[in-house]
Amino acid sequence: NYFILYNLYLYILIKHINVINVIEKEIQYDRTILISNGKIQNISTRSIKTKNAIVINGKNKFLIPGLWDMHVHTVDSSYLNLFIINGVTGIRDMGGAASSPNNGCESIDYTKLMTWRKLIQSGFLIGPRMVISGPPVSNTGWATSININTPESAKTAVRKLKEIGVDFIKVYENIPLDTYLTLAKEAKAAGLSIAGHVPIETVPLTEASNASQRSIEHIRDPLLLCFTEDREEVLNFFKQDNWTETDIEWGLKQFDQSAKAIEAFKINQTWLVPTLSVEWAKVAVRDSLYVNDENRKILPESVRSAFNYYVTKKLALSDQDRKSDSLWWATQKRLVKRMHKERIPFMAGTDCACEGGIPGYSLHKELQLFVEAGLTPFEALETATVNPIQFLKLTDSLGTVEKGKIADLVILDRNPIDDISATQSIY
């Protein structure tokens, strides 16, 4: 209703609101905020008088910047409203080129995403701000990715992606190291960044960071083995997870590179997007409340069917495999805790709607899991507000509640600093 009324009134006035200042990590109590033309015009401790205003009573409520989900796969227009009603005002779509809704782990074709973005920007459709990668580059042979396996093919891929107007390049699997390095160099020359997977078998973490891969998605084997500095702890992990001698030999090589990789992350300002909620799903499938979440009903049938298959497959695992899933989940949280201690920056991303994720709703779970892994509520909020905006280099206009900033804002009934789950209490 506010969206519709905005066209009839000159101002929006929010009275007596408590502002969460994520940068200073403080709460600014009892503020009045004046919004006009989509921007914050004034923030005051005193009342502001104006005519023709929509007035919102913010007493005993809390204001946060709009949230960002930095790893999604949008397959259906229904996602757009789900993001907005959950306070997710911005998304980074991590790519795909599907012709129709699928299992939720690959985005719809970029032409449709770009059409939706134009409609949102022009006011004809309600949805989040969208950063779009388009088809990923990989050496998997998948029909919906751009296959690269030589330096020359990497150059061709960059030219094609630049031509179609993507915002960045999504990197996937099996890319030879020389091809990957050429891709990174050509992308930089074209004014594009690269982000995504670090191909496990071909590209060391340090090489990816030094090549300026801006963000690393998920906690996969080489990154996971950075969870500790203690070699005995790593060997114990291998033992609990029943690794073979060959696997252990490979794993120790990854572990021995971990200190160098972490140092590279610091020097190169490499961001991590651990997608905790999709990792948590591996153990959450044993929870009937999660499996039967009513909010999943709005998703395309293909996405729901894929999730049902995923649940069936996970519940049929052996006791040892279930133990392995639980071990990995506990270790992934330890990795987040260690990287946080090392001051490696995080961004919130959910991989929705892959393996049970629900657009918008999963972002709130992601923040809860960050806190569970050792971040404070303020720090968890950073991963979905100021951190994505810093990453996207949009700090002049977004990310904080400040005069002159675009008014992408969310009003909450409860204080998220007391309990991070309060980000769900959207007023």
Protein backbone atom coordinates (compact mmCIF):
# COMPACT_ATOMS: atom_id res chain seq x y z
CA ASN A 1 0.00 0.00 0.00
CA TYR A 2 2.82 2.40 0.81
CA PHE A 3 4.25 1.72 -2.67
CA ILE A 4 0.96 2.76 -4.29
CA LEU A 5 0.37 5.76 -2.02
CA TYR A 6 3.88 7.02 -2.64
CA ASN A 7 2.72 8.29 -6.02
CA LEU A 8 0.00 10.38 -4.34
CA TYR A 9 2.09 11.95 -1.59
CA LEU A 10 5.25 14.01 -1.65
CA TYR A 11 6.82 12.61 1.54
CA ILE A 12 7.05 9.59 3.81
CA LEU A 13 7.61 10.46 7.48
CA ILE A 14 8.71 7.77 9.95
CA LYS A 15 8.30 8.94 13.55
CA HIS A 16 9.97 7.72 16.77
CA ILE A 17 11.92 4.93 15.09
CA ASN A 18 15.01 3.26 16.57
CA VAL A 19 17.75 3.15 13.94
CA ILE A 20 20.26 0.28 13.82
CA ASN A 21 23.60 1.85 12.90
CA VAL A 22 25.49 -1.12 11.51
CA ILE A 23 28.71 0.83 10.90
CA GLU A 24 29.06 2.26 14.42
CA LYS A 25 27.39 -0.80 15.96
CA GLU A 26 24.96 1.23 17.99
CA ILE A 27 21.23 1.90 18.20
CA GLN A 28 20.09 5.50 17.65
CA TYR A 29 16.87 5.79 19.60
CA ASP A 30 13.74 7.80 18.81
CA ARG A 31 14.58 9.29 15.43
CA THR A 32 12.29 10.91 12.89
CA ILE A 33 13.12 10.24 9.25
CA LEU A 34 11.87 12.20 6.25
CA ILE A 35 11.88 10.48 2.86
CA SER A 36 11.21 12.11 -0.50
CA ASN A 37 11.87 11.02 -4.08
CA GLY A 38 13.10 7.67 -2.78
CA LYS A 39 15.88 9.18 -0.67
CA ILE A 40 16.40 10.00 3.00
CA GLN A 41 16.11 13.78 3.20
CA ASN A 42 16.52 14.23 6.94
CA ILE A 43 17.13 12.28 10.16
CA SER A 44 16.36 14.17 13.36
CA THR A 45 15.96 13.71 17.11
CA ARG A 46 13.16 16.25 16.89
CA SER A 47 9.80 16.18 15.16
CA ILE A 48 9.67 17.15 11.48
CA LYS A 49 6.60 18.90 10.16
CA THR A 50 5.53 18.50 6.55
CA LYS A 51 2.36 18.37 4.49
CA ASN A 52 1.20 15.64 2.15
CA ALA A 53 3.12 12.91 3.95
CA ILE A 54 2.50 9.26 4.61
CA VAL A 55 3.15 9.03 8.36
CA ILE A 56 4.45 5.77 9.84
CA ASN A 57 4.53 5.39 13.61
CA GLY A 58 7.84 3.73 14.41
CA LYS A 59 7.51 3.79 18.19
CA ASN A 60 9.15 0.72 19.77
CA LYS A 61 10.19 -0.46 16.30
CA PHE A 62 13.62 -0.80 14.68
CA LEU A 63 14.95 0.35 11.31
CA ILE A 64 17.64 -1.48 9.35
CA PRO A 65 19.04 -0.99 5.84
CA GLY A 66 17.51 -3.13 3.13
CA LEU A 67 18.98 -6.64 3.08
CA TRP A 68 20.97 -8.20 0.24
CA ASP A 69 21.19 -11.87 -0.72
CA MET A 70 24.48 -12.17 -2.58
CA HIS A 71 24.02 -15.68 -3.95
CA VAL A 72 20.68 -16.56 -5.53
CA HIS A 73 19.42 -18.44 -8.57
CA THR A 74 16.24 -16.76 -9.81
CA VAL A 75 14.10 -19.14 -11.84
CA ASP A 76 10.64 -17.60 -11.55
CA SER A 77 9.09 -14.13 -11.24
CA SER A 78 7.37 -15.23 -8.00
CA TYR A 79 10.79 -14.95 -6.35
CA LEU A 80 10.81 -11.18 -6.77
CA ASN A 81 7.91 -10.53 -4.42
CA LEU A 82 9.21 -13.14 -1.97
CA PHE A 83 12.44 -11.19 -1.69
CA ILE A 84 10.68 -7.89 -1.09
CA ILE A 85 8.21 -9.11 1.54
CA ASN A 86 11.20 -10.49 3.42
CA GLY A 87 13.07 -7.18 3.35
CA VAL A 88 15.55 -8.33 0.72
CA THR A 89 15.90 -5.23 -1.44
CA GLY A 90 18.90 -6.41 -3.44
CA ILE A 91 20.15 -9.70 -4.92
CA ARG A 92 23.19 -10.95 -6.80
CA ASP A 93 22.05 -13.61 -9.25
CA MET A 94 24.81 -16.20 -9.61
CA GLY A 95 23.87 -17.40 -13.02
CA GLY A 96 22.51 -19.98 -15.34
CA ALA A 97 20.76 -20.08 -18.68
CA ALA A 98 17.74 -22.33 -18.09
CA SER A 99 14.86 -21.95 -20.53
CA SER A 100 12.28 -22.73 -17.83
CA PRO A 101 12.13 -23.31 -14.05
CA ASN A 102 14.31 -26.22 -12.98
CA ASN A 103 15.54 -27.71 -9.70
CA GLY A 104 16.24 -24.24 -8.33
CA CYS A 105 20.03 -24.50 -8.56
CA GLU A 106 20.35 -22.71 -11.90
CA SER A 107 18.97 -19.31 -12.88
CA ILE A 108 16.56 -18.67 -15.72
CA ASP A 109 18.06 -17.26 -18.93
CA TYR A 110 19.68 -13.86 -18.46
CA THR A 111 17.40 -12.19 -21.05
CA LYS A 112 14.40 -12.79 -18.78
CA LEU A 113 16.30 -11.61 -15.71
CA MET A 114 17.30 -8.42 -17.49
CA THR A 115 13.71 -7.85 -18.61
CA TRP A 116 12.49 -8.19 -15.03
CA ARG A 117 15.20 -5.80 -13.88
CA LYS A 118 14.11 -3.15 -16.40
CA LEU A 119 10.48 -3.51 -15.30
CA ILE A 120 11.53 -3.12 -11.64
CA GLN A 121 13.66 -0.08 -12.41
CA SER A 122 10.81 1.56 -14.33
CA GLY A 123 8.28 0.88 -11.56
CA PHE A 124 6.11 -1.60 -13.45
CA LEU A 125 7.16 -4.55 -11.29
CA ILE A 126 7.96 -4.84 -7.59
CA GLY A 127 11.22 -6.57 -6.91
CA PRO A 128 14.75 -6.17 -5.59
CA ARG A 129 17.74 -4.48 -7.19
CA MET A 130 19.45 -7.10 -9.33
CA VAL A 131 23.11 -7.77 -10.12
CA ILE A 132 23.25 -10.37 -12.90
CA SER A 133 25.98 -12.75 -14.10
CA GLY A 134 24.23 -14.63 -16.89
CA PRO A 135 25.53 -18.02 -18.08
CA PRO A 136 28.50 -19.33 -16.06
CA VAL A 137 31.86 -20.27 -17.55
CA SER A 138 33.00 -23.83 -16.92
CA ASN A 139 34.59 -26.90 -18.43
CA THR A 140 31.77 -29.24 -17.46
CA GLY A 141 30.24 -29.55 -20.91
CA TRP A 142 26.86 -28.38 -19.63
CA ALA A 143 24.68 -26.95 -22.37
CA THR A 144 23.68 -23.94 -20.26
CA SER A 145 27.24 -22.82 -19.49
CA ILE A 146 29.93 -21.33 -21.69
CA ASN A 147 32.57 -24.02 -22.06
CA ILE A 148 36.19 -22.89 -21.75
CA ASN A 149 39.20 -25.21 -21.79
CA THR A 150 41.88 -23.14 -23.53
CA PRO A 151 43.13 -19.57 -23.04
CA GLU A 152 41.67 -18.62 -26.44
CA SER A 153 38.22 -19.93 -25.47
CA ALA A 154 38.44 -17.89 -22.26
CA LYS A 155 39.02 -14.73 -24.33
CA THR A 156 36.02 -15.58 -26.51
CA ALA A 157 33.84 -16.12 -23.43
CA VAL A 158 34.75 -12.74 -21.96
CA ARG A 159 33.94 -10.98 -25.24
CA LYS A 160 30.57 -12.74 -25.43
CA LEU A 161 29.62 -11.96 -21.82
CA LYS A 162 30.71 -8.34 -22.19
CA GLU A 163 28.57 -8.08 -25.30
CA ILE A 164 25.41 -9.37 -23.64
CA GLY A 165 25.84 -6.92 -20.76
CA VAL A 166 26.44 -9.04 -17.67
CA ASP A 167 27.53 -7.33 -14.45
CA PHE A 168 30.23 -9.89 -13.64
CA ILE A 169 31.41 -13.36 -14.70
CA LYS A 170 30.41 -16.48 -12.75
CA VAL A 171 33.18 -19.12 -12.58
CA TYR A 172 32.29 -22.79 -12.24
CA GLU A 173 34.16 -26.11 -12.43
CA ASN A 174 36.97 -28.03 -14.18
CA ILE A 175 38.65 -24.99 -15.76
CA PRO A 176 42.38 -25.57 -16.46
CA LEU A 177 44.65 -23.19 -14.56
CA ASP A 178 46.09 -21.43 -17.64
CA THR A 179 42.56 -20.94 -18.98
CA TYR A 180 41.34 -19.63 -15.63
CA LEU A 181 44.22 -17.13 -15.38
CA THR A 182 43.53 -15.90 -18.91
CA LEU A 183 39.85 -15.52 -18.06
CA ALA A 184 40.70 -13.40 -15.02
CA LYS A 185 43.11 -11.21 -16.99
CA GLU A 186 40.71 -10.69 -19.91
CA ALA A 187 37.78 -10.00 -17.59
CA LYS A 188 39.75 -7.32 -15.77
CA ALA A 189 40.70 -5.69 -19.07
CA ALA A 190 37.01 -5.71 -20.06
CA GLY A 191 35.97 -4.06 -16.80
CA LEU A 192 34.35 -7.20 -15.42
CA SER A 193 35.09 -9.03 -12.18
CA ILE A 194 34.95 -12.80 -11.67
CA ALA A 195 33.26 -14.61 -8.79
CA GLY A 196 31.99 -18.08 -8.01
CA HIS A 197 33.51 -21.49 -7.38
CA VAL A 198 37.23 -22.07 -7.21
CA PRO A 199 37.66 -25.15 -9.45
CA ILE A 200 38.77 -27.73 -6.88
CA GLU A 201 41.12 -29.91 -8.87
CA THR A 202 42.71 -27.26 -11.07
CA VAL A 203 42.96 -23.88 -9.33
CA PRO A 204 44.56 -23.41 -5.88
CA LEU A 205 42.85 -20.94 -3.55
CA THR A 206 45.93 -18.70 -3.55
CA GLU A 207 45.98 -18.56 -7.35
CA ALA A 208 42.29 -17.61 -7.42
CA SER A 209 42.78 -14.84 -4.89
CA ASN A 210 45.91 -13.50 -6.60
CA ALA A 211 44.04 -13.51 -9.91
CA SER A 212 41.52 -11.14 -8.31
CA GLN A 213 38.54 -13.48 -8.01
CA ARG A 214 36.46 -11.11 -5.94
CA SER A 215 34.34 -13.62 -4.04
CA ILE A 216 34.53 -17.34 -3.33
CA GLU A 217 31.18 -19.10 -3.06
CA HIS A 218 30.42 -22.03 -0.73
CA ILE A 219 32.73 -23.90 1.68
CA ARG A 220 34.18 -26.63 -0.46
CA ASP A 221 37.03 -29.04 0.29
CA PRO A 222 40.16 -26.82 -0.01
CA LEU A 223 38.52 -23.90 1.82
CA LEU A 224 37.05 -26.19 4.48
CA LEU A 225 40.54 -27.41 5.36
CA CYS A 226 41.44 -23.88 6.45
CA PHE A 227 39.23 -24.40 9.53
CA THR A 228 42.23 -24.84 11.85
CA GLU A 229 45.96 -24.24 12.12
CA ASP A 230 46.42 -27.57 13.95
CA ARG A 231 47.54 -30.47 11.74
CA GLU A 232 46.34 -33.01 14.32
CA GLU A 233 42.83 -31.55 14.17
CA VAL A 234 42.81 -31.95 10.41
CA LEU A 235 44.00 -35.54 10.68
CA ASN A 236 41.27 -36.18 13.23
CA PHE A 237 38.72 -34.74 10.79
CA PHE A 238 39.98 -37.11 8.08
CA LYS A 239 39.72 -40.04 10.48
CA GLN A 240 36.16 -39.21 11.58
CA ASP A 241 35.11 -38.78 7.95
CA ASN A 242 36.73 -42.06 6.82
CA TRP A 243 39.05 -40.52 4.24
CA THR A 244 41.22 -42.96 2.26
CA GLU A 245 45.01 -42.71 2.28
CA THR A 246 44.90 -41.14 -1.18
CA ASP A 247 42.30 -38.60 -0.03
CA ILE A 248 44.34 -37.80 3.09
CA GLU A 249 47.45 -37.20 1.00
CA TRP A 250 45.48 -34.76 -1.18
CA GLY A 251 43.84 -33.14 1.86
CA LEU A 252 47.13 -32.53 3.65
CA LYS A 253 48.47 -30.76 0.57
CA GLN A 254 45.43 -28.46 0.70
CA PHE A 255 45.88 -27.91 4.42
CA ASP A 256 49.58 -27.08 3.98
CA GLN A 257 48.54 -24.26 1.61
CA SER A 258 45.89 -22.86 3.95
CA ALA A 259 48.05 -20.25 5.73
CA LYS A 260 49.25 -18.94 2.38
CA ALA A 261 45.66 -18.82 1.09
CA ILE A 262 44.42 -16.88 4.11
CA GLU A 263 47.25 -14.38 3.72
CA ALA A 264 46.31 -13.95 0.05
CA PHE A 265 42.67 -13.35 1.01
CA LYS A 266 43.79 -10.54 3.32
CA ILE A 267 46.12 -8.90 0.82
CA ASN A 268 43.72 -9.17 -2.12
CA GLN A 269 40.53 -8.42 -0.14
CA THR A 270 38.89 -11.65 -1.27
CA TRP A 271 35.31 -11.99 0.00
CA LEU A 272 33.73 -15.23 1.21
CA VAL A 273 30.09 -16.20 0.64
CA PRO A 274 29.73 -19.45 2.63
CA THR A 275 26.03 -20.06 1.75
CA LEU A 276 25.49 -21.56 5.18
CA SER A 277 21.77 -22.11 4.74
CA VAL A 278 22.20 -24.53 1.85
CA GLU A 279 24.91 -26.38 3.77
CA TRP A 280 22.65 -26.53 6.85
CA ALA A 281 19.93 -28.06 4.67
CA LYS A 282 21.94 -31.31 4.60
CA VAL A 283 21.13 -31.85 8.28
CA ALA A 284 17.87 -29.85 8.37
CA VAL A 285 16.14 -32.43 6.15
CA ARG A 286 15.66 -34.46 9.35
CA ASP A 287 13.45 -31.65 10.73
CA SER A 288 9.82 -31.99 9.59
CA LEU A 289 9.13 -28.28 10.24
CA TYR A 290 11.83 -27.36 7.72
CA VAL A 291 10.78 -29.96 5.16
CA ASN A 292 7.09 -29.02 5.35
CA ASP A 293 7.54 -25.23 5.41
CA GLU A 294 4.32 -23.76 3.96
CA ASN A 295 6.25 -20.90 2.34
CA ARG A 296 7.72 -23.39 -0.14
CA LYS A 297 4.30 -23.95 -1.74
CA ILE A 298 4.53 -20.82 -3.89
CA LEU A 299 7.68 -22.08 -5.66
CA PRO A 300 7.49 -23.69 -9.12
CA GLU A 301 6.55 -27.36 -9.14
CA SER A 302 9.94 -28.33 -10.57
CA VAL A 303 11.72 -26.72 -7.62
CA ARG A 304 9.45 -28.41 -5.07
CA SER A 305 9.83 -31.80 -6.76
CA ALA A 306 13.60 -31.44 -6.76
CA PHE A 307 13.56 -30.66 -3.05
CA ASN A 308 11.36 -33.67 -2.30
CA TYR A 309 13.84 -35.86 -4.19
CA TYR A 310 16.72 -34.28 -2.25
CA VAL A 311 14.99 -35.01 1.07
CA THR A 312 14.28 -38.61 0.08
CA LYS A 313 17.88 -39.13 -0.98
CA LYS A 314 19.29 -37.60 2.22
CA LEU A 315 16.98 -39.57 4.51
CA ALA A 316 18.07 -42.79 2.79
CA LEU A 317 21.73 -42.24 3.62
CA SER A 318 23.64 -44.70 5.74
CA ASP A 319 24.42 -43.83 9.35
CA GLN A 320 28.04 -43.14 8.36
CA ASP A 321 27.01 -40.75 5.58
CA ARG A 322 24.65 -38.93 7.93
CA LYS A 323 27.49 -38.68 10.42
CA SER A 324 29.66 -37.25 7.64
CA ASP A 325 27.06 -34.59 6.81
CA SER A 326 26.88 -33.58 10.48
CA LEU A 327 30.67 -33.51 10.74
CA TRP A 328 30.99 -31.30 7.66
CA TRP A 329 28.31 -28.93 8.92
CA ALA A 330 30.05 -28.54 12.29
CA THR A 331 33.40 -28.03 10.54
CA GLN A 332 31.96 -25.47 8.12
CA LYS A 333 30.84 -23.38 11.08
CA ARG A 334 34.36 -23.69 12.50
CA LEU A 335 35.73 -22.43 9.18
CA VAL A 336 33.48 -19.36 9.39
CA LYS A 337 34.58 -18.72 12.96
CA ARG A 338 38.25 -18.94 12.01
CA MET A 339 37.92 -16.75 8.92
CA HIS A 340 36.03 -14.20 11.00
CA LYS A 341 38.86 -14.23 13.54
CA GLU A 342 41.29 -13.70 10.65
CA ARG A 343 39.17 -10.70 9.57
CA ILE A 344 38.27 -12.15 6.17
CA PRO A 345 35.06 -10.37 5.05
CA PHE A 346 31.79 -12.26 4.59
CA MET A 347 28.65 -11.64 2.58
CA ALA A 348 25.31 -13.34 3.15
CA GLY A 349 24.18 -15.61 0.33
CA THR A 350 21.69 -18.47 0.40
CA ASP A 351 21.94 -20.30 -2.97
CA CYS A 352 18.14 -20.20 -3.02
CA ALA A 353 16.14 -21.98 -4.17
CA CYS A 354 18.64 -24.80 -4.40
CA GLU A 355 18.09 -27.83 -2.13
CA GLY A 356 15.16 -26.39 -0.21
CA GLY A 357 16.04 -22.72 0.04
CA ILE A 358 13.11 -20.30 -0.08
CA PRO A 359 13.74 -16.89 -1.67
CA GLY A 360 13.79 -14.18 0.99
CA TYR A 361 13.04 -16.46 3.92
CA SER A 362 16.39 -18.22 3.66
CA LEU A 363 18.28 -14.96 4.08
CA HIS A 364 16.98 -14.64 7.65
CA LYS A 365 18.15 -18.18 8.37
CA GLU A 366 21.54 -17.29 6.89
CA LEU A 367 21.92 -14.45 9.41
CA GLN A 368 20.96 -16.77 12.27
CA LEU A 369 23.57 -19.30 11.12
CA PHE A 370 26.25 -16.60 11.03
CA VAL A 371 25.47 -15.84 14.66
CA GLU A 372 25.49 -19.56 15.47
CA ALA A 373 28.97 -19.71 13.89
CA GLY A 374 30.30 -16.96 16.16
CA LEU A 375 29.41 -13.56 14.69
CA THR A 376 27.54 -10.99 16.78
CA PRO A 377 24.11 -9.82 15.55
CA PHE A 378 25.68 -6.53 14.42
CA GLU A 379 28.34 -8.46 12.48
CA ALA A 380 25.73 -10.76 10.95
CA LEU A 381 23.72 -7.73 9.78
CA GLU A 382 26.88 -6.37 8.17
CA THR A 383 27.04 -9.44 5.91
CA ALA A 384 23.69 -8.53 4.35
CA THR A 385 23.85 -4.72 4.40
CA VAL A 386 27.09 -2.72 4.38
CA ASN A 387 29.35 -5.58 3.20
CA PRO A 388 27.48 -6.27 -0.07
CA ILE A 389 27.33 -2.54 -0.75
CA GLN A 390 31.07 -2.18 -0.18
CA PHE A 391 31.65 -5.17 -2.45
CA LEU A 392 29.46 -3.63 -5.16
CA LYS A 393 31.09 -0.20 -4.67
CA LEU A 394 27.74 1.51 -4.03
CA THR A 395 28.50 3.03 -0.63
CA ASP A 396 27.63 6.54 -1.85
CA SER A 397 23.99 5.59 -2.23
CA LEU A 398 23.10 2.42 -0.31
CA GLY A 399 23.85 0.19 2.68
CA THR A 400 23.24 2.45 5.68
CA VAL A 401 20.51 4.64 7.17
CA GLU A 402 21.95 8.08 6.42
CA LYS A 403 20.83 11.41 4.99
CA GLY A 404 21.17 11.42 1.22
CA LYS A 405 21.09 7.62 0.86
CA ILE A 406 18.46 5.75 -1.15
CA ALA A 407 15.65 4.72 1.18
CA ASP A 408 15.90 0.93 0.85
CA LEU A 409 14.78 0.35 4.44
CA VAL A 410 13.09 -2.30 6.57
CA ILE A 411 11.07 -1.64 9.74
CA LEU A 412 11.09 -4.42 12.33
CA ASP A 413 8.80 -5.03 15.30
CA ARG A 414 11.66 -6.40 17.40
CA ASN A 415 15.29 -5.57 18.06
CA PRO A 416 17.63 -7.74 15.92
CA ILE A 417 20.57 -6.90 18.16
CA ASP A 418 18.88 -8.65 21.08
CA ASP A 419 17.92 -11.58 18.85
CA ILE A 420 19.00 -11.86 15.22
CA SER A 421 15.83 -13.81 14.39
CA ALA A 422 14.00 -10.48 14.84
CA THR A 423 14.95 -9.64 11.22
CA GLN A 424 11.88 -11.77 10.39
CA SER A 425 9.56 -9.51 12.40
CA ILE A 426 8.94 -7.18 9.46
CA TYR A 427 6.40 -4.45 10.14
